[in-house]
């Protein structure tokens, strides 16, 4: 199915946080953030509806893959966007992703320290484990287990392209629906079960970081029937836990299926 651009009302309804410097929106899965070389629907085309009184629309401070959902940060003006870009570049922003993986780890938590490099020139952004590549570190923790599936919280310490997808696949538990590094179909269901669940942004020097949580998308509740949620689980292994990251979170659908 071809992606469909969001209307003004639809994208405004996806705003999770708004202040004078930035917006955080809940990106839908299946919609690319940029217009591709062949055109087509994309998220940026709807940004004019997010000006909220400013003369220019916001711009992307980072990116998420087409099939990844959840927290996406936009800068509202040039100076704010530059500051956000530096925060992302230097690893100052806390990010927690929710994933459903096939098989899953035997342990309940851990860290993956595995450098990554480009697969080859023909495959563009595709990555592979590479001892001579860029440093890539991911913390992870089990949130729930079921028949052949595990629900994980994953925290990328570094921000390499496709980092979580390659790390999970290399460990032997690919993300459900991953059609590049896992067993997902080229088209159709299941779609990628990778969701930018929470983000912590220290945008102001004199204020605490802004923490934003995105509700899990419906498609991540349809596949893992029977996954049992581990009660009381917090974030993966970050030294700065936040209550809003707890597994027993503010998602009525999540609570209904996994409590």
Foldseek 3Di string as FASTA:
>chain_A
DFDDADALVRFVVQWQDDDPWKTKGWFAAQAFQDADPVGGGHHVVNQVSVLVPPPDGWAFLDGDGRGETGITMTTNDDVSSVLSVVCQQVQVKWWKKKFKWFQDDPDFWDKDWFAKDAPDPVVPQHIAGDPPHHTWMKIKGWFWDFDRMTIMIIITSHDGRCRVQRRCLVVPIGTAQDPPSDDHDPDDPDHGGMYRAKMWAPSDPVDGTDITGDARDPSNLPPDQGIEGDPPAWHGDDPDTDVCRGSCHDHPSSVVRHD
